[in-house]
């Protein structure tokens, strides 16, 4: 039985040469297995291990706050030391920040915060004082327990010194 496509091909002048027998699935599998595999396409496991650099993980103990403070105060005197990995690791341990403020930026922060009593809670102020003087004064933790909502809001606005008297509420 001929298909419509075969009839059209014969009408155009194409002739059928011979019937090709269909291969059984077993012969197809054997034909695929006979293909040669290039030796470079599948490297041996040992070659693969050689190609990739083996990284050695060195477990370094984390710096404590006291050690980091001592390192920062020792290396503060020379600005060239600020670029060393030891200084940056200690700085990041204490502050939690990667970037080190410039001297001008720290002067601006000190000018901004020096009159406010809430400066003792500010990390930026502590960093600025360290850069200017070389002495690390860690910021005090904010006490959120036992405070009213109004006081918490003032703390978030950094307005701890704000006072409320009777005359404020008069019209």
Protein backbone atom coordinates (compact mmCIF):
# COMPACT_ATOMS: atom_id res chain seq x y z
CA UNK A 1 0.00 0.00 0.00
CA UNK A 2 1.42 3.31 -1.07
CA UNK A 3 0.93 6.54 0.74
CA UNK A 4 -0.30 9.67 -0.94
CA UNK A 5 3.14 11.23 -0.65
CA UNK A 6 4.73 8.27 -2.47
CA UNK A 7 2.14 8.56 -5.24
CA UNK A 8 2.93 12.26 -5.66
CA UNK A 9 6.65 11.54 -5.87
CA UNK A 10 6.10 8.90 -8.55
CA UNK A 11 3.87 11.34 -10.46
CA UNK A 12 6.73 13.86 -10.47
CA UNK A 13 9.10 11.31 -11.97
CA UNK A 14 10.86 9.91 -8.96
CA UNK A 15 11.30 6.15 -8.95
CA UNK A 16 11.51 3.86 -6.03
CA UNK A 17 14.92 2.18 -5.91
CA UNK A 18 14.55 -0.61 -3.38
CA UNK A 19 12.83 -1.36 -0.13
CA UNK A 20 15.16 -0.85 2.80
CA UNK A 21 14.41 -3.28 5.58
CA UNK A 22 13.66 -1.69 8.93
CA UNK A 23 16.15 -2.40 11.68
CA UNK A 24 14.95 -4.02 14.83
CA UNK A 25 15.49 -2.08 18.09
CA UNK A 26 18.27 -4.48 19.10
CA UNK A 27 20.27 -3.68 15.98
CA UNK A 28 19.92 0.06 16.64
CA UNK A 29 21.33 -0.34 20.11
CA UNK A 30 24.23 -2.38 18.78
CA UNK A 31 24.86 0.21 16.08
CA UNK A 32 25.05 2.94 18.69
CA UNK A 33 27.38 0.86 20.83
CA UNK A 34 29.83 0.41 17.95
CA UNK A 35 30.51 4.15 17.74
CA UNK A 36 34.01 5.07 18.76
CA UNK A 37 34.39 7.38 21.71
CA UNK A 38 37.09 10.00 21.54
CA UNK A 39 39.55 9.68 24.39
CA UNK A 40 39.41 13.43 25.10
CA UNK A 41 35.63 13.57 25.43
CA UNK A 42 35.48 11.60 28.68
CA UNK A 43 38.50 12.35 30.85
CA UNK A 44 39.37 10.00 33.61
CA UNK A 45 38.38 10.96 37.11
CA UNK A 46 42.00 11.47 38.12
CA UNK A 47 42.52 13.83 35.16
CA UNK A 48 39.45 15.80 36.14
CA UNK A 49 40.75 16.17 39.67
CA UNK A 50 44.06 17.42 38.32
CA UNK A 51 42.38 20.04 36.15
CA UNK A 52 40.65 21.79 39.04
CA UNK A 53 42.58 23.54 41.75
CA UNK A 54 42.06 22.04 45.14
CA UNK A 55 41.17 24.72 47.67
CA UNK A 56 42.35 24.28 51.18
CA UNK A 57 39.98 25.73 53.71
CA UNK A 58 41.79 27.14 56.67
CA UNK A 59 39.69 27.42 59.78
CA UNK A 60 40.68 30.68 61.41
CA UNK A 61 39.11 31.41 64.76
CA UNK A 62 36.82 34.43 64.90
CA UNK A 63 38.20 37.51 66.57
CA UNK A 64 36.71 38.45 69.88
CA UNK A 65 35.66 42.03 70.54
CA UNK A 66 38.61 42.54 72.92
CA UNK A 67 41.16 41.24 70.40
CA UNK A 68 39.66 43.33 67.60
CA UNK A 69 39.73 46.44 69.78
CA UNK A 70 43.41 45.84 70.65
CA UNK A 71 44.32 45.34 66.98
CA UNK A 72 42.52 48.51 65.90
CA UNK A 73 44.13 50.65 68.59
CA UNK A 74 47.59 49.24 67.78
CA UNK A 75 47.33 49.77 64.01
CA UNK A 76 45.49 53.10 64.09
CA UNK A 77 48.57 55.33 64.24
CA UNK A 78 49.68 54.69 60.64
CA UNK A 79 47.25 55.13 57.74
CA UNK A 80 49.11 52.50 55.69
CA UNK A 81 48.04 49.89 58.22
CA UNK A 82 44.39 50.63 57.51
CA UNK A 83 44.63 48.77 54.19
CA UNK A 84 45.98 45.56 55.72
CA UNK A 85 43.68 42.54 55.98
CA UNK A 86 44.32 42.30 59.72
CA UNK A 87 43.01 45.83 60.30
CA UNK A 88 40.01 45.37 57.99
CA UNK A 89 39.08 42.07 59.68
CA UNK A 90 39.20 43.66 63.13
CA UNK A 91 37.28 46.72 61.88
CA UNK A 92 34.57 44.52 60.39
CA UNK A 93 34.37 42.44 63.57
CA UNK A 94 33.70 45.52 65.72
CA UNK A 95 31.56 47.60 63.36
CA UNK A 96 29.98 45.06 61.03
CA UNK A 97 30.85 47.29 58.04
CA UNK A 98 33.32 46.86 55.20
CA UNK A 99 33.99 50.47 54.28
CA UNK A 100 36.17 52.65 56.46
CA UNK A 101 35.08 56.27 56.83
CA UNK A 102 37.37 59.08 55.74
CA UNK A 103 38.66 61.66 58.20
CA UNK A 104 36.37 64.35 56.74
CA UNK A 105 33.29 62.13 56.97
CA UNK A 106 34.05 61.31 60.58
CA UNK A 107 34.49 65.02 61.42
CA UNK A 108 31.04 65.71 59.95
CA UNK A 109 29.47 62.93 62.01
CA UNK A 110 31.08 64.20 65.22
CA UNK A 111 29.84 67.74 64.49
CA UNK A 112 26.36 66.36 63.94
CA UNK A 113 26.17 64.26 67.11
CA UNK A 114 28.40 65.94 69.73
CA UNK A 115 25.61 67.99 71.39
CA UNK A 116 23.09 65.16 71.66
CA UNK A 117 23.07 62.77 74.57
CA UNK A 118 21.79 60.00 72.33
CA UNK A 119 25.20 59.87 70.61
CA UNK A 120 26.25 57.11 73.00
CA UNK A 121 23.81 54.77 71.21
CA UNK A 122 25.12 55.54 67.71
CA UNK A 123 27.54 53.23 65.90
CA UNK A 124 28.42 55.99 63.41
CA UNK A 125 29.50 58.26 66.24
CA UNK A 126 31.67 55.52 67.75
CA UNK A 127 33.34 54.87 64.40
CA UNK A 128 33.95 58.59 63.83
CA UNK A 129 35.49 59.03 67.29
CA UNK A 130 37.74 56.04 66.63
CA UNK A 131 38.96 57.42 63.31
CA UNK A 132 39.70 60.83 64.79
CA UNK A 133 41.19 59.81 68.14
CA UNK A 134 42.16 56.15 67.79
CA UNK A 135 40.14 55.13 70.84
CA UNK A 136 37.26 52.70 70.37
CA UNK A 137 34.21 53.48 72.48
CA UNK A 138 31.56 50.91 71.73
CA UNK A 139 28.00 52.22 71.44
CA UNK A 140 25.60 51.44 74.23
CA UNK A 141 22.73 49.08 73.43
CA UNK A 142 19.30 50.67 73.23
CA UNK A 143 16.90 49.55 75.91
CA UNK A 144 13.56 48.77 74.33
CA UNK A 145 12.03 46.85 77.22
CA UNK A 146 9.89 48.75 79.66
CA UNK A 147 9.57 51.81 77.43
CA UNK A 148 6.31 53.33 76.34
CA UNK A 149 5.42 53.61 72.66
CA UNK A 150 6.02 57.35 72.79
CA UNK A 151 9.54 56.94 74.16
CA UNK A 152 10.32 54.19 71.62
CA UNK A 153 9.18 56.51 68.82
CA UNK A 154 11.41 59.29 70.15
CA UNK A 155 14.34 56.87 70.31
CA UNK A 156 13.76 55.83 66.72
CA UNK A 157 13.72 59.50 65.71
CA UNK A 158 16.91 60.00 67.74
CA UNK A 159 15.06 62.59 69.86
CA UNK A 160 15.80 61.13 73.27
CA UNK A 161 16.48 64.58 74.72
CA UNK A 162 13.07 65.88 73.66
CA UNK A 163 11.03 67.02 76.63
CA UNK A 164 7.29 67.55 76.81
CA UNK A 165 5.86 70.23 79.12
CA UNK A 166 2.37 71.56 79.64
CA UNK A 167 3.00 74.66 77.53
CA UNK A 168 3.61 72.51 74.43
CA UNK A 169 0.00 71.35 74.42
CA UNK A 170 -1.57 74.82 74.97
CA UNK A 171 -3.16 76.55 72.00
